[in-house]
Amino acid sequence: MTPRWVVYDEPAGGGGGSSWAIATGGTVTDSGGYRYHTFTASGTLTVTSGGDVEYLIVGGGGGGGKWKGAGGGGGGVLTGTQSATVQSYSITVGAGGAGNNSNFGLTQSSTNDGEDSSAFGLTAIGGGQGGADARNGLVGGSGGGGGPGQTGGAGTSGQGNAGGDGSADDANYGAGGGGGAGSAGLDGSVTGAGETGTGDGGDGIEWPASSGNYYGGGGGGSVGRYDAAAAGSGGLGGGGDGAVSGSGSGSDGTANTGGGGGGTPSNSFPGGNGGSGVVIIRYAI
């Protein structure tokens, strides 16, 4: 007698008693044996079969400083594994902070800090805004860089790092780079024509491992010499570059990376805006 073969479709989530969850919500993509739910704006993750999920939660990046402006700090980054039960989970994605546009960067408003992102009761803190002339960088998920003669803001433990300090030289200044989720921002300096400012933003965190995707990079600090080769560069993970004196605004942080905005040397232009945050949930399929 000829045997009859019966093929059963294995359900998403690994089937066969797998501990992985199944869910709906966000933008859904499949890659490398995983299903990803990407939230670039606030929404709801609905778990239809309970189990484990991996998460990336990134706060919005801080805005860059204006007038000898420093780089904004990257948004805080949280990663890990969560046991998800059958229910709906609220997902919050924080906006990036606005680049400082007050007169001579003297007013540091809460709107210049990145907003928090959250999921599963966990909160990634938004990046701190970059400092300016006579202004320190502010505290955040990662801290903003400091203006000339000023200090960088502290990062949040387990989420990010401090911003770099500004140079002591106020005439040929280099403002500090914003901190990143993976490393601190660098202190600012630039001493001569054709040189590049050292106030680079700190790098963010790569997630998943070996993917080449980074999140929570700090913004670069500005420099005060018209003849400098370049200002501080933004860190890996969406950080915006700082600007050289006379060149306009610092670059914006990249959307949905939590990158900090670049600093702006002039009083005629605002600092770079911070990039918005993101929440990504994944599980095996």
C-alpha atoms as a PDB file:
ATOM      1  CA  MET A   1       0.000   0.000   0.000  1.00  0.00           C
ATOM      2  CA  THR A   2       1.375   3.427  -0.945  1.00  0.00           C
ATOM      3  CA  PRO A   3       1.930   5.605   2.177  1.00  0.00           C
ATOM      4  CA  ARG A   4       0.068   8.897   2.458  1.00  0.00           C
ATOM      5  CA  TRP A   5       2.096  11.925   3.565  1.00  0.00           C
ATOM      6  CA  VAL A   6       0.366  14.689   5.516  1.00  0.00           C
ATOM      7  CA  VAL A   7       2.124  18.088   5.704  1.00  0.00           C
ATOM      8  CA  TYR A   8       1.296  20.448   8.564  1.00  0.00           C
ATOM      9  CA  ASP A   9       2.031  24.175   8.253  1.00  0.00           C
ATOM     10  CA  GLU A  10       4.127  25.318  11.197  1.00  0.00           C
ATOM     11  CA  PRO A  11       2.671  28.483  12.745  1.00  0.00           C
ATOM     12  CA  ALA A  12       4.589  31.729  13.038  1.00  0.00           C
ATOM     13  CA  GLY A  13       6.499  32.029  16.277  1.00  0.00           C
ATOM     14  CA  GLY A  14       8.449  28.834  15.719  1.00  0.00           C
ATOM     15  CA  GLY A  15       5.575  26.402  16.480  1.00  0.00           C
ATOM     16  CA  GLY A  16       6.337  23.013  18.013  1.00  0.00           C
ATOM     17  CA  GLY A  17       6.170  24.349  21.546  1.00  0.00           C
ATOM     18  CA  SER A  18       8.390  27.371  20.857  1.00  0.00           C
ATOM     19  CA  SER A  19       8.438  30.076  23.532  1.00  0.00           C
ATOM     20  CA  TRP A  20       8.281  32.881  20.953  1.00  0.00           C
ATOM     21  CA  ALA A  21       5.240  35.146  20.719  1.00  0.00           C
ATOM     22  CA  ILE A  22       2.958  36.077  17.813  1.00  0.00           C
ATOM     23  CA  ALA A  23       1.698  39.647  17.439  1.00  0.00           C
ATOM     24  CA  THR A  24       0.266  42.354  15.189  1.00  0.00           C
ATOM     25  CA  GLY A  25       0.947  46.079  14.972  1.00  0.00           C
ATOM     26  CA  GLY A  26       3.445  48.516  13.499  1.00  0.00           C
ATOM     27  CA  THR A  27       5.128  47.919  10.152  1.00  0.00           C
ATOM     28  CA  VAL A  28       5.690  44.167   9.836  1.00  0.00           C
ATOM     29  CA  THR A  29       8.672  42.703   7.951  1.00  0.00           C
ATOM     30  CA  ASP A  30      10.309  39.269   7.931  1.00  0.00           C
ATOM     31  CA  SER A  31      14.070  38.876   7.703  1.00  0.00           C
ATOM     32  CA  GLY A  32      16.641  36.274   8.704  1.00  0.00           C
ATOM     33  CA  GLY A  33      14.142  34.028  10.458  1.00  0.00           C
ATOM     34  CA  TYR A  34      12.612  36.850  12.500  1.00  0.00           C
ATOM     35  CA  ARG A  35       9.453  38.910  12.264  1.00  0.00           C
ATOM     36  CA  TYR A  36       9.936  42.611  13.010  1.00  0.00           C
ATOM     37  CA  HIS A  37       7.259  45.052  14.196  1.00  0.00           C
ATOM     38  CA  THR A  38       8.667  48.545  13.650  1.00  0.00           C
ATOM     39  CA  PHE A  39       6.970  51.560  15.254  1.00  0.00           C
ATOM     40  CA  THR A  40       8.094  54.903  13.811  1.00  0.00           C
ATOM     41  CA  ALA A  41       5.148  56.591  15.547  1.00  0.00           C
ATOM     42  CA  SER A  42       3.170  55.728  18.658  1.00  0.00           C
ATOM     43  CA  GLY A  43       0.790  52.788  18.326  1.00  0.00           C
ATOM     44  CA  THR A  44      -0.261  49.423  19.760  1.00  0.00           C
ATOM     45  CA  LEU A  45       1.361  45.988  19.716  1.00  0.00           C
ATOM     46  CA  THR A  46      -1.316  43.308  20.058  1.00  0.00           C
ATOM     47  CA  VAL A  47       0.043  39.942  21.202  1.00  0.00           C
ATOM     48  CA  THR A  48      -2.161  37.083  19.956  1.00  0.00           C
ATOM     49  CA  SER A  49      -0.017  34.226  21.272  1.00  0.00           C
ATOM     50  CA  GLY A  50       2.080  34.783  24.365  1.00  0.00           C
ATOM     51  CA  GLY A  51       5.806  34.213  24.532  1.00  0.00           C
ATOM     52  CA  ASP A  52       9.160  35.935  24.366  1.00  0.00           C
ATOM     53  CA  VAL A  53      10.012  38.960  22.226  1.00  0.00           C
ATOM     54  CA  GLU A  54      13.189  40.968  21.774  1.00  0.00           C
ATOM     55  CA  TYR A  55      12.944  44.742  21.837  1.00  0.00           C
ATOM     56  CA  LEU A  56      14.764  47.904  20.849  1.00  0.00           C
ATOM     57  CA  ILE A  57      13.481  51.133  22.423  1.00  0.00           C
ATOM     58  CA  VAL A  58      15.116  54.411  21.343  1.00  0.00           C
ATOM     59  CA  GLY A  59      14.299  57.891  22.665  1.00  0.00           C
ATOM     60  CA  GLY A  60      14.305  60.987  20.469  1.00  0.00           C
ATOM     61  CA  GLY A  61      17.651  62.724  19.948  1.00  0.00           C
ATOM     62  CA  GLY A  62      18.451  66.081  21.526  1.00  0.00           C
ATOM     63  CA  GLY A  63      18.578  69.258  19.458  1.00  0.00           C
ATOM     64  CA  GLY A  64      21.902  70.900  18.621  1.00  0.00           C
ATOM     65  CA  GLY A  65      23.027  74.115  20.296  1.00  0.00           C
ATOM     66  CA  LYS A  66      23.071  77.565  18.642  1.00  0.00           C
ATOM     67  CA  TRP A  67      25.844  80.206  18.781  1.00  0.00           C
ATOM     68  CA  LYS A  68      29.054  78.264  19.366  1.00  0.00           C
ATOM     69  CA  GLY A  69      26.674  75.350  19.636  1.00  0.00           C
ATOM     70  CA  ALA A  70      27.460  71.815  20.735  1.00  0.00           C
ATOM     71  CA  GLY A  71      25.990  68.557  19.492  1.00  0.00           C
ATOM     72  CA  GLY A  72      22.778  67.151  20.908  1.00  0.00           C
ATOM     73  CA  GLY A  73      22.873  63.868  22.801  1.00  0.00           C
ATOM     74  CA  GLY A  74      21.523  60.700  21.245  1.00  0.00           C
ATOM     75  CA  GLY A  75      18.314  59.239  22.570  1.00  0.00           C
ATOM     76  CA  GLY A  76      18.667  56.565  25.221  1.00  0.00           C
ATOM     77  CA  VAL A  77      18.679  52.979  23.926  1.00  0.00           C
ATOM     78  CA  LEU A  78      17.237  49.918  25.683  1.00  0.00           C
ATOM     79  CA  THR A  79      17.499  46.356  24.339  1.00  0.00           C
ATOM     80  CA  GLY A  80      16.568  43.008  25.821  1.00  0.00           C
ATOM     81  CA  THR A  81      14.054  40.167  25.919  1.00  0.00           C
ATOM     82  CA  GLN A  82      10.548  40.433  27.333  1.00  0.00           C
ATOM     83  CA  SER A  83       7.925  37.789  28.104  1.00  0.00           C
ATOM     84  CA  ALA A  84       4.781  39.114  26.404  1.00  0.00           C
ATOM     85  CA  THR A  85       1.312  37.889  27.360  1.00  0.00           C
ATOM     86  CA  VAL A  86      -1.855  37.933  25.255  1.00  0.00           C
ATOM     87  CA  GLN A  87      -2.912  41.578  25.475  1.00  0.00           C
ATOM     88  CA  SER A  88      -2.385  44.957  23.816  1.00  0.00           C
ATOM     89  CA  TYR A  89       0.735  46.946  24.669  1.00  0.00           C
ATOM     90  CA  SER A  90       0.911  50.701  24.224  1.00  0.00           C
ATOM     91  CA  ILE A  91       3.988  51.842  22.284  1.00  0.00           C
ATOM     92  CA  THR A  92       5.230  55.437  22.552  1.00  0.00           C
ATOM     93  CA  VAL A  93       7.777  56.875  20.106  1.00  0.00           C
ATOM     94  CA  GLY A  94       9.403  60.145  21.156  1.00  0.00           C
ATOM     95  CA  ALA A  95      10.026  63.071  18.824  1.00  0.00           C
ATOM     96  CA  GLY A  96      13.470  64.562  18.364  1.00  0.00           C
ATOM     97  CA  GLY A  97      14.236  67.829  20.122  1.00  0.00           C
ATOM     98  CA  ALA A  98      14.114  71.054  18.125  1.00  0.00           C
ATOM     99  CA  GLY A  99      17.448  72.672  17.393  1.00  0.00           C
ATOM    100  CA  ASN A 100      17.962  75.664  19.661  1.00  0.00           C
ATOM    101  CA  ASN A 101      16.818  78.884  17.965  1.00  0.00           C
ATOM    102  CA  SER A 102      16.840  81.321  20.871  1.00  0.00           C
ATOM    103  CA  ASN A 103      18.886  84.539  20.666  1.00  0.00           C
ATOM    104  CA  PHE A 104      22.552  83.550  21.111  1.00  0.00           C
ATOM    105  CA  GLY A 105      21.359  80.143  22.332  1.00  0.00           C
ATOM    106  CA  LEU A 106      20.775  81.531  25.806  1.00  0.00           C
ATOM    107  CA  THR A 107      17.379  79.910  26.424  1.00  0.00           C
ATOM    108  CA  GLN A 108      17.461  76.147  26.767  1.00  0.00           C
ATOM    109  CA  SER A 109      13.878  74.942  26.555  1.00  0.00           C
ATOM    110  CA  SER A 110      12.533  71.475  27.261  1.00  0.00           C
ATOM    111  CA  THR A 111      11.382  71.424  23.612  1.00  0.00           C
ATOM    112  CA  ASN A 112      15.077  71.180  22.662  1.00  0.00           C
ATOM    113  CA  ASP A 113      15.438  67.872  24.514  1.00  0.00           C
ATOM    114  CA  GLY A 114      14.440  64.629  22.815  1.00  0.00           C
ATOM    115  CA  GLU A 115      11.202  63.037  23.976  1.00  0.00           C
ATOM    116  CA  ASP A 116      11.050  59.667  25.735  1.00  0.00           C
ATOM    117  CA  SER A 117      10.015  56.415  24.034  1.00  0.00           C
ATOM    118  CA  SER A 118       8.447  53.499  25.883  1.00  0.00           C
ATOM    119  CA  ALA A 119       7.181  49.917  25.603  1.00  0.00           C
ATOM    120  CA  PHE A 120       6.442  47.133  28.119  1.00  0.00           C
ATOM    121  CA  GLY A 121       6.699  49.645  30.971  1.00  0.00           C
ATOM    122  CA  LEU A 122      10.296  50.483  29.992  1.00  0.00           C
ATOM    123  CA  THR A 123      11.295  54.040  29.097  1.00  0.00           C
ATOM    124  CA  ALA A 124      14.200  55.175  26.928  1.00  0.00           C
ATOM    125  CA  ILE A 125      15.034  58.768  27.887  1.00  0.00           C
ATOM    126  CA  GLY A 126      15.299  61.412  25.180  1.00  0.00           C
ATOM    127  CA  GLY A 127      18.702  62.926  24.428  1.00  0.00           C
ATOM    128  CA  GLY A 128      19.866  66.106  26.148  1.00  0.00           C
ATOM    129  CA  GLN A 129      20.206  69.272  24.090  1.00  0.00           C
ATOM    130  CA  GLY A 130      23.590  70.629  23.110  1.00  0.00           C
ATOM    131  CA  GLY A 131      25.096  73.566  24.964  1.00  0.00           C
ATOM    132  CA  ALA A 132      26.297  76.892  23.584  1.00  0.00           C
ATOM    133  CA  ASP A 133      28.398  79.897  24.577  1.00  0.00           C
ATOM    134  CA  ALA A 134      28.154  80.010  28.389  1.00  0.00           C
ATOM    135  CA  ARG A 135      25.815  77.008  28.334  1.00  0.00           C
ATOM    136  CA  ASN A 136      26.524  73.430  29.412  1.00  0.00           C
ATOM    137  CA  GLY A 137      25.088  70.432  27.617  1.00  0.00           C
ATOM    138  CA  LEU A 138      22.012  69.024  29.316  1.00  0.00           C
ATOM    139  CA  VAL A 139      21.378  65.613  30.832  1.00  0.00           C
ATOM    140  CA  GLY A 140      19.467  63.004  28.817  1.00  0.00           C
ATOM    141  CA  GLY A 141      19.482  59.422  27.590  1.00  0.00           C
ATOM    142  CA  SER A 142      22.859  60.603  26.322  1.00  0.00           C
ATOM    143  CA  GLY A 143      23.999  64.076  27.330  1.00  0.00           C
ATOM    144  CA  GLY A 144      24.450  67.060  25.050  1.00  0.00           C
ATOM    145  CA  GLY A 145      27.930  68.435  24.399  1.00  0.00           C
ATOM    146  CA  GLY A 146      29.183  71.572  26.159  1.00  0.00           C
ATOM    147  CA  GLY A 147      29.811  74.949  24.555  1.00  0.00           C
ATOM    148  CA  PRO A 148      33.250  76.645  24.728  1.00  0.00           C
ATOM    149  CA  GLY A 149      34.561  76.439  28.285  1.00  0.00           C
ATOM    150  CA  GLN A 150      31.474  74.447  29.317  1.00  0.00           C
ATOM    151  CA  THR A 151      30.865  70.823  30.246  1.00  0.00           C
ATOM    152  CA  GLY A 152      28.874  68.100  28.538  1.00  0.00           C
ATOM    153  CA  GLY A 153      25.698  66.763  30.083  1.00  0.00           C
ATOM    154  CA  ALA A 154      25.587  63.357  31.761  1.00  0.00           C
ATOM    155  CA  GLY A 155      23.954  60.335  30.169  1.00  0.00           C
ATOM    156  CA  THR A 156      21.481  57.962  31.818  1.00  0.00           C
ATOM    157  CA  SER A 157      23.060  54.816  33.265  1.00  0.00           C
ATOM    158  CA  GLY A 158      22.348  51.778  31.105  1.00  0.00           C
ATOM    159  CA  GLN A 159      21.037  53.913  28.227  1.00  0.00           C
ATOM    160  CA  GLY A 160      23.721  56.308  27.056  1.00  0.00           C
ATOM    161  CA  ASN A 161      26.834  58.359  27.719  1.00  0.00           C
ATOM    162  CA  ALA A 162      27.960  61.883  28.510  1.00  0.00           C
ATOM    163  CA  GLY A 163      28.536  64.657  26.018  1.00  0.00           C
ATOM    164  CA  GLY A 164      32.021  66.056  25.430  1.00  0.00           C
ATOM    165  CA  ASP A 165      33.291  69.311  26.931  1.00  0.00           C
ATOM    166  CA  GLY A 166      33.880  72.447  24.876  1.00  0.00           C
ATOM    167  CA  SER A 167      37.377  73.800  24.270  1.00  0.00           C
ATOM    168  CA  ALA A 168      38.912  76.387  26.579  1.00  0.00           C
ATOM    169  CA  ASP A 169      39.787  78.602  23.577  1.00  0.00           C
ATOM    170  CA  ASP A 170      36.730  80.790  22.975  1.00  0.00           C
ATOM    171  CA  ALA A 171      38.041  82.457  19.797  1.00  0.00           C
ATOM    172  CA  ASN A 172      38.969  79.339  17.834  1.00  0.00           C
ATOM    173  CA  TYR A 173      36.561  77.166  19.753  1.00  0.00           C
ATOM    174  CA  GLY A 174      35.430  73.643  19.133  1.00  0.00           C
ATOM    175  CA  ALA A 175      32.175  72.760  20.890  1.00  0.00           C
ATOM    176  CA  GLY A 176      31.721  69.294  22.391  1.00  0.00           C
ATOM    177  CA  GLY A 177      30.025  66.388  20.659  1.00  0.00           C
ATOM    178  CA  GLY A 178      26.833  64.892  22.028  1.00  0.00           C
ATOM    179  CA  GLY A 179      27.044  61.569  23.800  1.00  0.00           C
ATOM    180  CA  GLY A 180      25.945  58.367  22.095  1.00  0.00           C
ATOM    181  CA  ALA A 181      24.359  55.185  23.391  1.00  0.00           C
ATOM    182  CA  GLY A 182      27.605  53.298  22.745  1.00  0.00           C
ATOM    183  CA  SER A 183      30.284  55.879  23.580  1.00  0.00           C
ATOM    184  CA  ALA A 184      30.763  59.360  25.010  1.00  0.00           C
ATOM    185  CA  GLY A 185      30.949  62.496  22.893  1.00  0.00           C
ATOM    186  CA  LEU A 186      34.431  63.871  22.274  1.00  0.00           C
ATOM    187  CA  ASP A 187      35.753  67.127  23.678  1.00  0.00           C
ATOM    188  CA  GLY A 188      35.902  69.988  21.202  1.00  0.00           C
ATOM    189  CA  SER A 189      39.014  71.722  19.878  1.00  0.00           C
ATOM    190  CA  VAL A 190      40.337  73.279  16.673  1.00  0.00           C
ATOM    191  CA  THR A 191      43.591  75.222  16.593  1.00  0.00           C
ATOM    192  CA  GLY A 192      44.433  76.120  13.017  1.00  0.00           C
ATOM    193  CA  ALA A 193      43.434  76.644   9.396  1.00  0.00           C
ATOM    194  CA  GLY A 194      42.510  73.500   7.506  1.00  0.00           C
ATOM    195  CA  GLU A 195      41.991  71.471  10.669  1.00  0.00           C
ATOM    196  CA  THR A 196      38.904  69.473  11.593  1.00  0.00           C
ATOM    197  CA  GLY A 197      37.073  69.973  14.869  1.00  0.00           C
ATOM    198  CA  THR A 198      37.465  67.119  17.307  1.00  0.00           C
ATOM    199  CA  GLY A 199      34.012  67.383  18.890  1.00  0.00           C
ATOM    200  CA  ASP A 200      32.578  64.262  17.273  1.00  0.00           C
ATOM    201  CA  GLY A 201      29.354  62.790  18.565  1.00  0.00           C
ATOM    202  CA  GLY A 202      29.541  59.455  20.339  1.00  0.00           C
ATOM    203  CA  ASP A 203      28.514  56.344  18.427  1.00  0.00           C
ATOM    204  CA  GLY A 204      25.225  54.620  19.063  1.00  0.00           C
ATOM    205  CA  ILE A 205      24.369  50.948  19.616  1.00  0.00           C
ATOM    206  CA  GLU A 206      24.220  48.371  16.824  1.00  0.00           C
ATOM    207  CA  TRP A 207      21.017  46.299  16.822  1.00  0.00           C
ATOM    208  CA  PRO A 208      20.602  43.487  16.008  1.00  0.00           C
ATOM    209  CA  ALA A 209      24.229  42.398  16.301  1.00  0.00           C
ATOM    210  CA  SER A 210      26.189  42.474  13.020  1.00  0.00           C
ATOM    211  CA  SER A 211      23.268  44.151  11.204  1.00  0.00           C
ATOM    212  CA  GLY A 212      25.052  47.431  10.503  1.00  0.00           C
ATOM    213  CA  ASN A 213      22.064  49.331  11.955  1.00  0.00           C
ATOM    214  CA  TYR A 214      22.979  51.818  14.681  1.00  0.00           C
ATOM    215  CA  TYR A 215      20.761  53.876  16.976  1.00  0.00           C
ATOM    216  CA  GLY A 216      21.274  56.743  19.430  1.00  0.00           C
ATOM    217  CA  GLY A 217      24.314  58.506  17.929  1.00  0.00           C
ATOM    218  CA  GLY A 218      25.360  61.932  19.233  1.00  0.00           C
ATOM    219  CA  GLY A 219      25.501  65.124  17.174  1.00  0.00           C
ATOM    220  CA  GLY A 220      28.779  66.819  16.258  1.00  0.00           C
ATOM    221  CA  GLY A 221      29.905  70.099  17.807  1.00  0.00           C
ATOM    222  CA  SER A 222      30.454  73.294  15.778  1.00  0.00           C
ATOM    223  CA  VAL A 223      33.781  75.109  15.295  1.00  0.00           C
ATOM    224  CA  GLY A 224      34.520  78.829  15.263  1.00  0.00           C
ATOM    225  CA  ARG A 225      37.092  79.130  12.464  1.00  0.00           C
ATOM    226  CA  TYR A 226      35.872  79.992   8.965  1.00  0.00           C
ATOM    227  CA  ASP A 227      38.950  78.243   7.552  1.00  0.00           C
ATOM    228  CA  ALA A 228      38.523  74.982   9.446  1.00  0.00           C
ATOM    229  CA  ALA A 229      38.231  71.897   7.254  1.00  0.00           C
ATOM    230  CA  ALA A 230      35.171  70.565   9.059  1.00  0.00           C
ATOM    231  CA  ALA A 231      33.382  70.575  12.390  1.00  0.00           C
ATOM    232  CA  GLY A 232      32.654  67.558  14.586  1.00  0.00           C
ATOM    233  CA  SER A 233      31.003  64.610  12.866  1.00  0.00           C
ATOM    234  CA  GLY A 234      27.800  62.967  14.043  1.00  0.00           C
ATOM    235  CA  GLY A 235      28.177  59.538  15.626  1.00  0.00           C
ATOM    236  CA  LEU A 236      27.035  56.260  14.092  1.00  0.00           C
ATOM    237  CA  GLY A 237      23.330  55.958  14.752  1.00  0.00           C
ATOM    238  CA  GLY A 238      21.952  59.062  13.051  1.00  0.00           C
ATOM    239  CA  GLY A 239      23.944  61.882  14.682  1.00  0.00           C
ATOM    240  CA  GLY A 240      23.998  65.120  12.661  1.00  0.00           C
ATOM    241  CA  ASP A 241      27.274  66.856  11.762  1.00  0.00           C
ATOM    242  CA  GLY A 242      28.263  70.151  13.347  1.00  0.00           C
ATOM    243  CA  ALA A 243      28.805  73.260  11.206  1.00  0.00           C
ATOM    244  CA  VAL A 244      31.868  75.434  10.549  1.00  0.00           C
ATOM    245  CA  SER A 245      31.527  79.161  11.225  1.00  0.00           C
ATOM    246  CA  GLY A 246      29.844  80.863   8.255  1.00  0.00           C
ATOM    247  CA  SER A 247      28.324  77.656   6.832  1.00  0.00           C
ATOM    248  CA  GLY A 248      24.829  77.720   8.335  1.00  0.00           C
ATOM    249  CA  SER A 249      23.049  75.209  10.541  1.00  0.00           C
ATOM    250  CA  GLY A 250      24.306  71.936  11.875  1.00  0.00           C
ATOM    251  CA  SER A 251      22.790  68.840  10.291  1.00  0.00           C
ATOM    252  CA  ASP A 252      19.605  67.266  11.634  1.00  0.00           C
ATOM    253  CA  GLY A 253      19.727  63.876  13.312  1.00  0.00           C
ATOM    254  CA  THR A 254      18.303  61.073  11.177  1.00  0.00           C
ATOM    255  CA  ALA A 255      14.626  60.285  11.714  1.00  0.00           C
ATOM    256  CA  ASN A 256      13.800  57.111  13.657  1.00  0.00           C
ATOM    257  CA  THR A 257      17.340  56.585  14.892  1.00  0.00           C
ATOM    258  CA  GLY A 258      17.352  58.878  17.940  1.00  0.00           C
ATOM    259  CA  GLY A 259      20.390  60.723  16.561  1.00  0.00           C
ATOM    260  CA  GLY A 260      21.318  64.082  18.110  1.00  0.00           C
ATOM    261  CA  GLY A 261      21.347  67.296  16.064  1.00  0.00           C
ATOM    262  CA  GLY A 262      24.590  69.013  15.039  1.00  0.00           C
ATOM    263  CA  GLY A 263      25.709  72.260  16.647  1.00  0.00           C
ATOM    264  CA  THR A 264      25.541  75.627  14.881  1.00  0.00           C
ATOM    265  CA  PRO A 265      28.263  78.308  15.264  1.00  0.00           C
ATOM    266  CA  SER A 266      26.224  81.338  14.149  1.00  0.00           C
ATOM    267  CA  ASN A 267      23.385  83.252  15.811  1.00  0.00           C
ATOM    268  CA  SER A 268      21.676  83.512  12.398  1.00  0.00           C
ATOM    269  CA  PHE A 269      20.720  79.837  12.131  1.00  0.00           C
ATOM    270  CA  PRO A 270      19.163  77.283  14.500  1.00  0.00           C
ATOM    271  CA  GLY A 271      20.900  74.177  15.724  1.00  0.00           C
ATOM    272  CA  GLY A 272      20.201  70.894  13.967  1.00  0.00           C
ATOM    273  CA  ASN A 273      17.035  69.056  15.022  1.00  0.00           C
ATOM    274  CA  GLY A 274      17.286  65.743  16.831  1.00  0.00           C
ATOM    275  CA  GLY A 275      16.081  62.618  15.057  1.00  0.00           C
ATOM    276  CA  SER A 276      12.882  60.943  16.254  1.00  0.00           C
ATOM    277  CA  GLY A 277      13.056  57.694  18.179  1.00  0.00           C
ATOM    278  CA  VAL A 278      11.841  54.221  17.249  1.00  0.00           C
ATOM    279  CA  VAL A 279      10.544  51.025  18.872  1.00  0.00           C
ATOM    280  CA  ILE A 280      11.204  47.650  17.200  1.00  0.00           C
ATOM    281  CA  ILE A 281       9.895  44.301  18.427  1.00  0.00           C
ATOM    282  CA  ARG A 282      11.067  41.020  16.918  1.00  0.00           C
ATOM    283  CA  TYR A 283      10.582  37.283  17.466  1.00  0.00           C
ATOM    284  CA  ALA A 284      11.543  34.062  15.674  1.00  0.00           C
ATOM    285  CA  ILE A 285       9.262  32.677  12.957  1.00  0.00           C
END
